[in-house]
N, C-alpha and C. Protein backbone atom coordinates (compact mmCIF):
# COMPACT_ATOMS: atom_id res chain seq x y z
N MET A 1 58.19 -39.46 29.93
CA MET A 1 58.81 -39.14 28.73
C MET A 1 57.54 -39.37 27.56
N LYS A 2 56.95 -40.25 27.38
CA LYS A 2 55.67 -41.33 27.04
C LYS A 2 55.04 -40.22 27.03
N ILE A 3 54.29 -40.34 27.91
CA ILE A 3 53.45 -39.19 28.51
C ILE A 3 53.86 -37.71 27.99
N GLN A 4 55.13 -37.22 27.61
CA GLN A 4 54.81 -35.94 27.56
C GLN A 4 55.16 -35.94 26.18
N THR A 5 55.40 -37.08 25.22
CA THR A 5 55.12 -37.25 23.79
C THR A 5 53.61 -37.25 23.77
N GLN A 6 53.14 -37.53 24.06
CA GLN A 6 51.52 -38.12 23.73
C GLN A 6 50.32 -36.56 24.19
N LEU A 7 51.10 -36.09 24.90
CA LEU A 7 50.77 -34.75 25.11
C LEU A 7 50.75 -33.46 23.90
N ASN A 8 51.59 -33.53 24.10
CA ASN A 8 52.10 -32.93 22.78
C ASN A 8 51.38 -33.13 21.42
N LYS A 9 51.40 -34.56 21.40
CA LYS A 9 50.20 -34.46 19.68
C LYS A 9 49.20 -34.51 19.99
N SER A 10 48.28 -34.45 21.57
CA SER A 10 47.07 -34.08 22.21
C SER A 10 47.20 -32.66 21.55
N ASN A 11 47.69 -31.79 22.20
CA ASN A 11 47.93 -30.28 21.22
C ASN A 11 48.08 -29.71 20.77
N HIS A 12 49.35 -30.63 20.02
CA HIS A 12 49.12 -30.41 18.59
C HIS A 12 48.00 -31.01 17.49
N HIS A 13 46.83 -31.57 18.04
CA HIS A 13 46.27 -31.64 16.85
C HIS A 13 44.95 -31.35 17.62
N ARG A 14 44.40 -30.60 18.30
CA ARG A 14 44.04 -29.51 19.22
C ARG A 14 44.11 -28.48 18.14
N LEU A 15 45.53 -27.90 18.12
CA LEU A 15 46.03 -26.66 17.81
C LEU A 15 45.32 -27.49 16.23
N MET A 16 45.97 -27.90 15.01
CA MET A 16 45.18 -27.62 13.87
C MET A 16 43.93 -27.94 14.35
N TRP A 17 42.97 -28.40 14.84
CA TRP A 17 41.25 -28.55 14.46
C TRP A 17 41.32 -26.64 14.80
N PHE A 18 41.72 -26.18 16.04
CA PHE A 18 41.56 -24.71 16.06
C PHE A 18 42.44 -24.12 14.39
N SER A 19 43.33 -24.06 14.94
CA SER A 19 43.78 -23.33 13.24
C SER A 19 42.71 -23.44 11.94
N LEU A 20 41.95 -24.59 11.84
CA LEU A 20 40.86 -25.44 11.33
C LEU A 20 40.30 -24.08 10.72
N PHE A 21 39.22 -24.67 12.22
CA PHE A 21 38.31 -24.14 12.35
C PHE A 21 38.79 -22.00 12.47
N LEU A 22 39.58 -21.52 13.35
CA LEU A 22 39.81 -19.80 12.40
C LEU A 22 39.48 -19.67 10.61
N PHE A 23 40.45 -20.14 10.11
CA PHE A 23 40.74 -20.57 9.21
C PHE A 23 38.84 -20.02 8.51
N THR A 24 37.99 -21.48 8.38
CA THR A 24 36.61 -21.63 8.56
C THR A 24 36.14 -20.13 8.36
N VAL A 25 35.54 -19.94 9.58
CA VAL A 25 35.65 -18.33 10.57
C VAL A 25 35.68 -17.71 9.57
N LEU A 26 36.07 -17.14 9.70
CA LEU A 26 37.40 -16.46 8.47
C LEU A 26 37.37 -15.99 7.17
N VAL A 27 36.68 -17.25 6.57
CA VAL A 27 36.50 -17.69 4.60
C VAL A 27 35.14 -17.51 4.64
N GLN A 28 33.95 -17.47 5.65
CA GLN A 28 32.89 -17.21 5.80
C GLN A 28 32.73 -15.99 5.51
N SER A 29 33.76 -15.00 7.18
CA SER A 29 33.43 -13.97 6.60
C SER A 29 33.79 -12.96 5.76
N VAL A 30 34.41 -13.38 4.67
CA VAL A 30 35.42 -12.73 3.44
C VAL A 30 34.24 -13.00 2.71
N SER A 31 33.61 -13.85 2.53
CA SER A 31 32.26 -14.41 2.42
C SER A 31 30.97 -13.02 2.13
N ALA A 32 30.88 -13.25 3.71
CA ALA A 32 30.11 -12.85 3.65
C ALA A 32 29.80 -10.64 3.65
N LEU A 33 31.15 -10.44 4.36
CA LEU A 33 31.74 -8.70 3.14
C LEU A 33 31.58 -8.92 1.85
N GLU A 34 32.05 -10.42 0.83
CA GLU A 34 31.92 -9.83 -0.70
C GLU A 34 31.04 -9.23 -0.68
N GLN A 35 28.94 -10.14 -0.35
CA GLN A 35 27.49 -10.05 -0.81
C GLN A 35 27.61 -8.75 -0.87
N VAL A 36 27.99 -7.81 0.49
CA VAL A 36 27.14 -6.77 0.71
C VAL A 36 28.78 -5.53 0.27
N SER A 37 29.38 -6.18 -0.33
CA SER A 37 30.72 -5.14 -0.96
C SER A 37 29.82 -3.98 -2.00
N LYS A 38 28.87 -4.41 -2.36
CA LYS A 38 28.16 -2.97 -3.63
C LYS A 38 27.09 -2.47 -1.72
N THR A 39 28.12 -0.92 -1.84
CA THR A 39 27.71 -0.83 -0.60
C THR A 39 26.31 0.93 -1.35
N THR A 40 26.37 0.79 -2.90
CA THR A 40 25.33 1.68 -3.28
C THR A 40 24.78 1.18 -4.68
N LEU A 41 23.40 1.76 -4.13
CA LEU A 41 21.81 0.89 -5.28
C LEU A 41 22.16 2.16 -6.19
N SER A 42 22.45 0.69 -7.09
CA SER A 42 23.51 2.05 -8.58
C SER A 42 22.33 1.81 -10.15
N SER A 43 22.17 2.71 -10.68
CA SER A 43 21.59 2.87 -12.21
C SER A 43 21.59 1.60 -12.71
N GLU A 44 22.86 0.59 -12.90
CA GLU A 44 22.53 -0.92 -13.65
C GLU A 44 22.01 -1.60 -12.35
N GLN A 45 21.99 -1.78 -11.11
CA GLN A 45 21.42 -2.28 -10.14
C GLN A 45 19.26 -1.92 -10.37
N LYS A 46 19.41 -1.02 -10.45
CA LYS A 46 17.57 -0.72 -10.97
C LYS A 46 16.73 -0.89 -11.32
N GLU A 47 17.87 -0.60 -13.12
CA GLU A 47 17.32 -0.50 -13.90
C GLU A 47 17.28 -2.16 -14.51
N HIS A 48 17.99 -3.59 -13.78
CA HIS A 48 18.15 -4.60 -13.44
C HIS A 48 17.10 -5.02 -12.69
N ILE A 49 16.43 -3.91 -11.73
CA ILE A 49 15.33 -4.92 -11.10
C ILE A 49 14.85 -4.43 -12.08
N ARG A 50 14.20 -3.61 -12.32
CA ARG A 50 13.07 -2.90 -14.11
C ARG A 50 12.66 -4.31 -14.81
N ASN A 51 13.62 -4.71 -15.09
CA ASN A 51 13.51 -4.95 -16.61
C ASN A 51 13.06 -6.99 -15.77
N LEU A 52 13.25 -7.33 -14.77
CA LEU A 52 13.01 -8.73 -13.92
C LEU A 52 11.61 -9.16 -14.55
N PRO A 53 11.32 -10.43 -15.34
CA PRO A 53 9.96 -10.56 -15.28
C PRO A 53 9.03 -10.39 -13.81
N SER A 54 7.78 -10.24 -13.74
CA SER A 54 7.09 -10.35 -12.50
C SER A 54 7.10 -11.41 -11.97
N ILE A 55 6.95 -12.09 -10.77
CA ILE A 55 5.85 -13.56 -10.57
C ILE A 55 4.81 -13.74 -10.17
N THR A 56 4.76 -12.07 -9.14
CA THR A 56 2.63 -11.87 -8.91
C THR A 56 2.37 -10.95 -10.03
N HIS A 57 2.07 -10.60 -11.10
CA HIS A 57 1.86 -10.23 -11.79
C HIS A 57 1.90 -9.68 -12.80
N GLU A 58 0.96 -10.61 -14.25
CA GLU A 58 1.34 -10.58 -15.28
C GLU A 58 1.90 -8.78 -15.74
N ASN A 59 1.28 -8.76 -15.46
CA ASN A 59 2.04 -7.38 -16.68
C ASN A 59 2.87 -6.60 -16.20
N ARG A 60 3.83 -6.89 -17.28
CA ARG A 60 4.86 -6.37 -17.29
C ARG A 60 5.36 -4.90 -16.81
N THR A 61 4.85 -4.01 -16.76
CA THR A 61 4.53 -1.89 -16.78
C THR A 61 4.45 -2.27 -14.51
N THR A 62 4.65 -3.29 -14.37
CA THR A 62 4.18 -3.18 -13.04
C THR A 62 5.76 -2.88 -12.78
N THR A 63 6.72 -3.85 -13.01
CA THR A 63 8.10 -3.35 -12.52
C THR A 63 8.48 -2.39 -13.71
N ASN A 64 8.86 -2.04 -14.69
CA ASN A 64 8.83 -0.46 -14.65
C ASN A 64 8.41 0.47 -14.18
N ASP A 65 7.40 0.33 -13.00
CA ASP A 65 7.26 1.65 -12.26
C ASP A 65 7.76 1.91 -11.26
N ILE A 66 8.77 0.54 -11.26
CA ILE A 66 8.80 0.26 -9.64
C ILE A 66 9.81 1.61 -9.02
N GLN A 67 9.14 2.26 -8.02
CA GLN A 67 10.25 3.13 -7.64
C GLN A 67 11.30 3.24 -6.50
N PHE A 68 12.73 3.86 -6.76
CA PHE A 68 13.49 3.80 -5.67
C PHE A 68 13.64 5.54 -5.71
N GLU A 69 13.40 6.06 -6.50
CA GLU A 69 14.35 7.96 -5.96
C GLU A 69 13.48 8.41 -4.79
N GLY A 70 14.69 8.76 -3.37
CA GLY A 70 13.30 9.84 -2.06
C GLY A 70 12.90 8.00 -1.50
N ARG A 71 12.88 7.29 -1.77
CA ARG A 71 12.10 6.28 -0.39
C ARG A 71 13.10 5.49 -0.48
N VAL A 72 13.00 4.77 1.00
CA VAL A 72 14.35 3.21 1.53
C VAL A 72 13.80 2.09 0.84
N VAL A 73 14.71 2.22 0.31
CA VAL A 73 14.15 0.35 -1.01
C VAL A 73 15.06 -1.18 0.38
N VAL A 74 14.17 -1.61 0.35
CA VAL A 74 14.29 -3.18 0.61
C VAL A 74 14.82 -4.22 -0.88
N VAL A 75 16.01 -5.05 -0.61
CA VAL A 75 15.63 -5.92 -1.50
C VAL A 75 16.36 -7.34 -0.74
N THR A 76 15.20 -8.04 -1.13
CA THR A 76 15.64 -9.39 -0.80
C THR A 76 15.75 -10.26 -1.23
N PHE A 77 16.49 -11.09 -1.38
CA PHE A 77 16.92 -12.55 -2.37
C PHE A 77 16.09 -13.95 -1.15
N PHE A 78 15.56 -14.36 -2.14
CA PHE A 78 14.70 -15.55 -1.74
C PHE A 78 14.23 -16.40 -2.48
N ALA A 79 13.26 -17.88 -1.80
CA ALA A 79 13.47 -19.32 -2.87
C ALA A 79 12.06 -18.92 -1.72
N SER A 80 11.46 -20.48 -2.73
CA SER A 80 9.98 -20.84 -1.53
C SER A 80 10.57 -22.07 -1.05
N TRP A 81 11.85 -23.12 -1.15
CA TRP A 81 12.13 -23.42 -0.47
C TRP A 81 12.26 -23.25 1.21
N CYS A 82 12.70 -21.91 0.97
CA CYS A 82 13.57 -21.39 2.13
C CYS A 82 12.76 -21.18 3.67
N PRO A 83 12.04 -22.52 4.50
CA PRO A 83 11.50 -22.15 5.90
C PRO A 83 11.39 -20.51 6.41
N PRO A 84 13.22 -19.67 6.13
CA PRO A 84 12.90 -18.17 6.62
C PRO A 84 12.46 -17.18 6.33
N CYS A 85 12.60 -17.75 4.59
CA CYS A 85 11.96 -16.36 3.96
C CYS A 85 10.06 -15.86 4.63
N LEU A 86 9.56 -17.48 4.43
CA LEU A 86 8.25 -16.69 4.70
C LEU A 86 8.02 -15.86 6.47
N ASP A 87 9.30 -16.40 6.86
CA ASP A 87 8.83 -15.05 8.32
C ASP A 87 9.01 -13.93 7.03
N GLU A 88 9.63 -13.85 6.86
CA GLU A 88 10.83 -12.68 6.88
C GLU A 88 10.02 -12.35 5.52
N PHE A 89 8.91 -12.32 4.92
CA PHE A 89 7.97 -11.91 4.12
C PHE A 89 6.88 -11.43 4.57
N LYS A 90 6.68 -12.17 5.40
CA LYS A 90 5.28 -12.02 6.57
C LYS A 90 5.68 -9.95 7.33
N ALA A 91 6.84 -10.40 7.77
CA ALA A 91 7.60 -9.77 8.33
C ALA A 91 7.72 -8.32 7.28
N LEU A 92 7.80 -7.83 6.22
CA LEU A 92 8.00 -7.36 4.88
C LEU A 92 6.86 -6.90 5.14
N ASN A 93 6.00 -7.47 4.47
CA ASN A 93 4.19 -7.37 4.84
C ASN A 93 3.79 -5.73 6.09
N THR A 94 4.20 -6.42 7.20
CA THR A 94 3.44 -5.74 8.58
C THR A 94 4.99 -4.13 8.31
N ILE A 95 5.81 -4.50 7.49
CA ILE A 95 6.76 -2.80 8.00
C ILE A 95 6.25 -1.94 6.59
N LYS A 96 5.00 -2.61 5.70
CA LYS A 96 4.67 -2.49 4.66
C LYS A 96 4.17 -1.50 4.95
N ARG A 97 2.72 -1.97 5.26
CA ARG A 97 1.45 -1.09 5.99
C ARG A 97 1.85 -0.64 6.73
N GLN A 98 2.81 -0.29 8.32
CA GLN A 98 2.96 0.36 8.51
C GLN A 98 4.33 1.29 8.08
N ILE A 99 4.70 1.96 7.18
CA ILE A 99 5.43 2.60 7.05
C ILE A 99 4.65 2.97 5.52
N GLY A 100 3.77 2.91 4.73
CA GLY A 100 2.64 2.97 3.61
C GLY A 100 3.27 2.97 1.94
N THR A 101 3.06 3.56 1.65
CA THR A 101 3.49 3.02 0.01
C THR A 101 4.49 4.18 -0.02
N ASP A 102 3.91 5.56 -0.05
CA ASP A 102 5.43 6.12 -0.76
C ASP A 102 6.61 6.50 -0.20
N ASN A 103 6.54 5.77 0.47
CA ASN A 103 8.51 5.92 1.73
C ASN A 103 8.95 5.19 1.23
N ILE A 104 8.58 3.48 1.40
CA ILE A 104 9.61 2.64 0.84
C ILE A 104 8.80 1.27 -0.09
N THR A 105 10.40 0.89 -0.75
CA THR A 105 10.08 0.54 -2.02
C THR A 105 10.04 -1.27 -1.50
N VAL A 106 9.82 -2.41 -2.16
CA VAL A 106 10.37 -3.68 -1.26
C VAL A 106 10.13 -4.32 -3.01
N VAL A 107 11.60 -5.28 -2.94
CA VAL A 107 11.50 -5.97 -4.35
C VAL A 107 11.71 -7.46 -3.71
N ALA A 108 11.65 -8.85 -3.84
CA ALA A 108 11.25 -9.87 -3.44
C ALA A 108 12.58 -10.19 -4.48
N LEU A 109 13.66 -10.46 -4.66
CA LEU A 109 14.53 -11.89 -6.36
C LEU A 109 14.57 -13.23 -5.61
N ASN A 110 13.97 -13.45 -6.79
CA ASN A 110 13.64 -15.00 -6.74
C ASN A 110 15.09 -16.25 -7.35
N VAL A 111 15.59 -16.69 -5.87
CA VAL A 111 17.02 -16.86 -7.04
C VAL A 111 17.23 -18.43 -6.21
N PHE A 112 17.80 -19.67 -6.81
CA PHE A 112 17.92 -20.92 -6.65
C PHE A 112 16.93 -21.75 -6.40
N GLU A 113 16.13 -21.13 -6.93
CA GLU A 113 14.10 -21.89 -6.89
C GLU A 113 14.38 -23.19 -7.10
N GLU A 114 15.08 -23.63 -8.74
CA GLU A 114 15.74 -25.05 -9.58
C GLU A 114 15.78 -25.92 -7.93
N PHE A 115 15.02 -26.39 -7.16
CA PHE A 115 15.47 -26.85 -6.10
C PHE A 115 14.67 -29.23 -6.98
N ASP A 116 13.95 -29.11 -7.52
CA ASP A 116 13.38 -30.18 -7.85
C ASP A 116 11.62 -30.38 -8.56
N ASN A 117 10.92 -31.11 -9.07
CA ASN A 117 10.14 -30.78 -10.17
C ASN A 117 9.35 -30.23 -9.65
N ASN A 118 8.66 -30.33 -8.52
CA ASN A 118 7.72 -28.99 -8.39
C ASN A 118 8.03 -28.13 -7.79
N ASP A 119 8.84 -26.82 -8.40
CA ASP A 119 8.54 -25.54 -8.03
C ASP A 119 8.06 -24.84 -8.66
N ASP A 120 7.42 -24.60 -9.31
CA ASP A 120 6.68 -23.91 -9.95
C ASP A 120 5.05 -24.59 -8.20
N ALA A 121 3.86 -25.43 -8.13
CA ALA A 121 3.28 -25.85 -7.28
C ALA A 121 3.92 -25.40 -6.12
N ARG A 122 5.77 -25.39 -5.75
CA ARG A 122 6.08 -23.89 -4.42
C ARG A 122 5.69 -23.61 -4.53
N MET A 123 5.94 -22.98 -5.18
CA MET A 123 6.05 -21.78 -5.54
C MET A 123 4.37 -20.92 -5.25
N ALA A 124 4.06 -20.96 -5.69
CA ALA A 124 2.12 -21.02 -5.90
C ALA A 124 2.16 -21.59 -3.99
N ARG A 125 2.08 -22.32 -3.23
CA ARG A 125 1.60 -22.39 -1.91
C ARG A 125 2.33 -21.41 -1.40
N PHE A 126 4.04 -21.11 -1.34
CA PHE A 126 4.46 -19.89 -1.01
C PHE A 126 3.58 -18.65 -1.12
N LEU A 127 3.42 -17.93 -2.25
CA LEU A 127 3.04 -16.86 -2.68
C LEU A 127 1.62 -17.22 -2.13
N LYS A 128 0.34 -18.20 -1.67
CA LYS A 128 -0.40 -18.16 -1.33
C LYS A 128 -0.86 -18.19 0.23
N THR A 129 0.89 -18.07 0.62
CA THR A 129 0.13 -18.50 2.29
C THR A 129 1.49 -16.87 2.91
N THR A 130 2.05 -16.62 2.02
CA THR A 130 2.34 -14.97 2.42
C THR A 130 1.95 -14.27 2.33
N GLU A 131 1.03 -14.25 1.03
CA GLU A 131 0.44 -13.09 0.83
C GLU A 131 1.12 -11.44 0.02
N PRO A 132 2.67 -11.58 -0.62
CA PRO A 132 3.51 -10.66 -0.22
C PRO A 132 2.00 -8.90 -1.01
N GLU A 133 2.88 -8.48 -0.19
CA GLU A 133 2.26 -6.75 -0.74
C GLU A 133 3.62 -5.71 -1.81
N PHE A 134 4.29 -6.36 -2.57
CA PHE A 134 5.48 -5.65 -2.40
C PHE A 134 5.51 -6.98 -4.12
N GLN A 135 6.46 -6.05 -5.22
CA GLN A 135 7.04 -7.15 -5.89
C GLN A 135 7.85 -8.32 -5.29
N VAL A 136 7.06 -9.58 -6.21
CA VAL A 136 8.50 -10.52 -6.30
C VAL A 136 8.89 -11.08 -7.71
N LEU A 137 10.23 -10.74 -7.81
CA LEU A 137 10.55 -10.81 -8.74
C LEU A 137 11.08 -12.29 -9.06
N LYS A 138 11.52 -13.01 -10.99
CA LYS A 138 12.12 -13.70 -10.73
C LYS A 138 13.37 -13.54 -11.44
N GLY A 139 14.64 -13.06 -9.80
CA GLY A 139 15.98 -12.88 -10.25
C GLY A 139 16.62 -14.45 -11.19
N THR A 140 17.61 -13.71 -10.89
CA THR A 140 19.11 -14.74 -12.16
C THR A 140 19.88 -14.66 -11.76
N ASP A 141 21.23 -15.20 -12.18
CA ASP A 141 22.44 -15.19 -11.81
C ASP A 141 22.80 -13.61 -11.63
N LYS A 142 22.39 -13.20 -13.07
CA LYS A 142 23.50 -11.63 -12.76
C LYS A 142 22.74 -10.26 -11.85
N SER A 143 21.22 -11.05 -11.04
CA SER A 143 21.15 -10.49 -9.66
C SER A 143 22.04 -10.55 -8.99
N ARG A 144 22.54 -11.84 -8.15
CA ARG A 144 23.18 -11.96 -7.04
C ARG A 144 24.44 -11.32 -7.82
N GLU A 145 24.79 -11.37 -9.33
CA GLU A 145 25.70 -10.67 -9.46
C GLU A 145 26.03 -9.09 -8.92
N LEU A 146 24.63 -8.61 -9.51
CA LEU A 146 25.12 -7.44 -9.18
C LEU A 146 25.34 -6.19 -8.13
N PHE A 147 24.38 -7.68 -7.15
CA PHE A 147 24.31 -7.47 -5.49
C PHE A 147 25.42 -7.84 -4.41
N GLY A 148 26.91 -8.42 -5.07
CA GLY A 148 27.71 -8.31 -5.18
C GLY A 148 28.44 -10.00 -4.36
N GLY A 149 27.76 -10.58 -5.79
CA GLY A 149 27.65 -12.20 -5.18
C GLY A 149 27.15 -13.21 -4.56
N VAL A 150 25.24 -12.79 -4.53
CA VAL A 150 24.05 -13.37 -3.01
C VAL A 150 24.79 -15.12 -3.31
N ASN A 151 25.22 -16.09 -2.59
CA ASN A 151 25.67 -17.35 -2.51
C ASN A 151 24.42 -17.32 -1.40
N ARG A 152 23.88 -16.62 -0.63
CA ARG A 152 23.00 -17.73 0.45
C ARG A 152 21.45 -16.83 0.59
N ILE A 153 20.59 -17.08 0.90
CA ILE A 153 19.27 -17.34 1.70
C ILE A 153 18.63 -17.78 2.17
N PRO A 154 18.29 -16.86 3.52
CA PRO A 154 17.77 -15.46 2.82
C PRO A 154 19.27 -14.30 2.42
N THR A 155 18.79 -13.49 1.64
CA THR A 155 19.40 -12.04 2.41
C THR A 155 18.63 -10.69 1.87
N LEU A 156 19.70 -10.10 3.47
CA LEU A 156 17.96 -8.56 2.69
C LEU A 156 19.15 -7.63 2.87
N LEU A 157 19.39 -6.65 1.59
CA LEU A 157 19.70 -5.37 1.41
C LEU A 157 18.56 -3.99 2.17
N VAL A 158 19.07 -3.20 3.25
CA VAL A 158 18.24 -2.17 3.44
C VAL A 158 18.72 -0.80 2.71
N TYR A 159 18.43 0.39 1.43
CA TYR A 159 19.44 1.03 0.95
C TYR A 159 18.42 2.18 1.60
N ASP A 160 19.44 3.41 1.48
CA ASP A 160 18.48 4.52 2.61
C ASP A 160 17.67 5.05 1.67
N ARG A 161 17.46 6.70 1.85
CA ARG A 161 17.02 7.09 0.13
C ARG A 161 17.76 7.18 -0.18
N LEU A 162 18.37 8.39 0.21
CA LEU A 162 19.80 8.05 -1.10
C LEU A 162 20.91 7.02 -1.98
N GLY A 163 20.44 5.92 -1.27
CA GLY A 163 20.89 4.53 -1.74
C GLY A 163 21.48 4.58 -1.35
N ASN A 164 22.99 4.32 0.16
CA ASN A 164 23.49 3.41 0.56
C ASN A 164 22.88 2.55 1.33
N LEU A 165 23.69 1.46 1.06
CA LEU A 165 23.51 0.70 1.84
C LEU A 165 23.61 1.15 3.30
N ALA A 166 21.89 0.75 4.02
CA ALA A 166 22.30 0.62 5.60
C ALA A 166 22.00 -0.44 6.55
N PHE A 167 21.66 -0.83 6.46
CA PHE A 167 21.86 -2.54 6.91
C PHE A 167 21.53 -3.65 5.71
N ASN A 168 21.99 -4.79 6.31
CA ASN A 168 21.83 -6.07 6.12
C ASN A 168 22.02 -7.06 6.62
N PHE A 169 20.91 -8.40 6.22
CA PHE A 169 20.76 -9.13 6.51
C PHE A 169 20.96 -10.38 6.14
N ILE A 170 22.53 -11.91 6.11
CA ILE A 170 22.23 -12.73 5.53
C ILE A 170 22.30 -14.28 6.92
N HIS A 171 21.20 -14.37 6.01
CA HIS A 171 21.43 -15.83 6.67
C HIS A 171 22.81 -16.94 6.50
N LYS A 172 23.54 -17.00 7.57
CA LYS A 172 25.16 -17.38 7.57
C LYS A 172 24.70 -19.25 7.73
N ARG A 173 25.58 -19.88 7.42
CA ARG A 173 24.98 -21.34 7.12
C ARG A 173 24.96 -21.47 8.32
N GLY A 174 24.18 -22.69 9.56
CA GLY A 174 24.49 -23.33 10.66
C GLY A 174 23.96 -22.63 11.82
N ALA A 175 24.07 -21.30 11.35
CA ALA A 175 23.55 -19.95 12.37
C ALA A 175 21.78 -20.21 12.74
N LYS A 176 22.28 -19.60 14.29
CA LYS A 176 20.36 -19.63 14.45
C LYS A 176 19.32 -18.95 14.54
N LYS A 177 19.85 -18.28 13.95
CA LYS A 177 18.57 -17.00 13.67
C LYS A 177 19.09 -17.48 11.62
N GLN A 178 17.80 -17.46 11.71
CA GLN A 178 17.65 -17.45 10.11
C GLN A 178 17.26 -16.18 8.77
N SER A 179 16.38 -15.06 9.68
CA SER A 179 16.28 -14.22 9.21
C SER A 179 15.76 -12.93 10.23
N VAL A 180 15.79 -11.99 10.07
CA VAL A 180 15.65 -10.63 9.66
C VAL A 180 14.42 -10.83 10.61
N ASN A 181 13.67 -10.16 11.68
CA ASN A 181 11.98 -10.03 12.29
C ASN A 181 11.77 -8.53 12.28
N GLU A 182 10.55 -7.93 11.96
CA GLU A 182 10.02 -7.18 12.42
C GLU A 182 10.92 -6.36 12.70
N ALA A 183 10.84 -6.35 14.64
CA ALA A 183 11.32 -5.11 15.26
C ALA A 183 12.56 -5.10 14.19
N GLU A 184 13.07 -6.23 14.22
CA GLU A 184 15.25 -5.15 14.24
C GLU A 184 14.69 -4.83 12.25
N LEU A 185 13.70 -4.91 11.73
CA LEU A 185 13.28 -3.74 10.52
C LEU A 185 13.46 -2.88 10.57
N LEU A 186 12.28 -2.39 11.44
CA LEU A 186 11.93 -1.01 12.36
C LEU A 186 12.83 0.12 12.55
N ALA A 187 13.39 -1.01 13.50
CA ALA A 187 14.53 -0.81 14.39
C ALA A 187 15.77 -0.33 13.10
N ALA A 188 15.80 -0.50 11.28
CA ALA A 188 16.78 -0.02 10.88
C ALA A 188 16.25 1.11 9.60
N ILE A 189 14.86 0.47 9.37
CA ILE A 189 14.13 2.00 8.27
C ILE A 189 13.76 3.04 9.01
N LYS A 190 13.12 3.01 9.93
CA LYS A 190 12.45 3.67 10.80
C LYS A 190 13.55 5.40 11.06
N PRO A 191 15.01 5.62 11.56
CA PRO A 191 16.11 6.36 11.03
C PRO A 191 15.49 6.76 9.53
N LEU A 192 15.75 5.90 8.34
CA LEU A 192 15.94 6.22 7.66
C LEU A 192 15.15 7.07 7.01
N LEU A 193 13.88 6.66 7.36
CA LEU A 193 12.27 8.18 6.74
C LEU A 193 12.97 8.65 7.50
N ALA A 194 13.19 9.17 8.57
CA ALA A 194 13.14 10.45 9.33
C ALA A 194 14.67 11.31 8.31
N SER A 195 15.36 11.68 8.44
CA SER A 195 16.32 11.28 7.31
C SER A 195 16.21 11.91 5.66
N SER A 196 16.56 13.15 6.13
CA SER A 196 15.69 14.33 4.36
C SER A 196 17.53 13.82 3.43
N LEU A 197 16.39 14.54 2.47
CA LEU A 197 17.13 14.42 0.91
C LEU A 197 18.58 15.57 0.77
C-alpha cells in the first residue's frame, strides 16, 4: 500500500511537469503566431519603414526611396549584440547579389539595441563585419508593433510581389536553429520571383 501511494505521488508529479511543459510550448507557439499575424505588407508598414532613420546612410532620401511595389520584400529585425544576426546578414548579402536589386528589397530594422553603454562601438563593429548591402534602419517599438509584436531576434519576414507573407523565421528561445541560412532563403524566395503580378 505504501509503495502504491509513492507510485501515485510519482505519477502525479510527472503529470504536473508534463502539463507545465505542454503549457509552456503552447504559450510560445501562440506568441510566435502573434508575431506573424500581420500577413500582408500594408501601406502603413511601408510608410513607417520609409520614415525610419538610416543607420548606414546619413542621407534620409535613401530611406524615402525604398521600393516595395512589384518586388519580393524581406524585413528582418536584428541587434548588433545578436550572434545569429551576423550569419543572417551575410546570407542576405549573398541573396541580394544573386537576385539583383530590381527584384528584391531587403530592410533590416534594429531593435533591442540598448544592451550596455557600448552601443555605438558595437554597432560600428557589427556593420564593419557584415558590410550590409541593404538598408539598415533604426527600428522603434512601433516597428515591432506594426509587424505583429516582434519580441525575438532575429525575426525575418518574406513577402511576395503582392505583399503577402510567404515565409518567416523566428528565433525561438532555446532553439538549436538560430537563424535562417542562405539555402533556406533561396528556396523561399526563388518561387516568389517566378510568379507574375
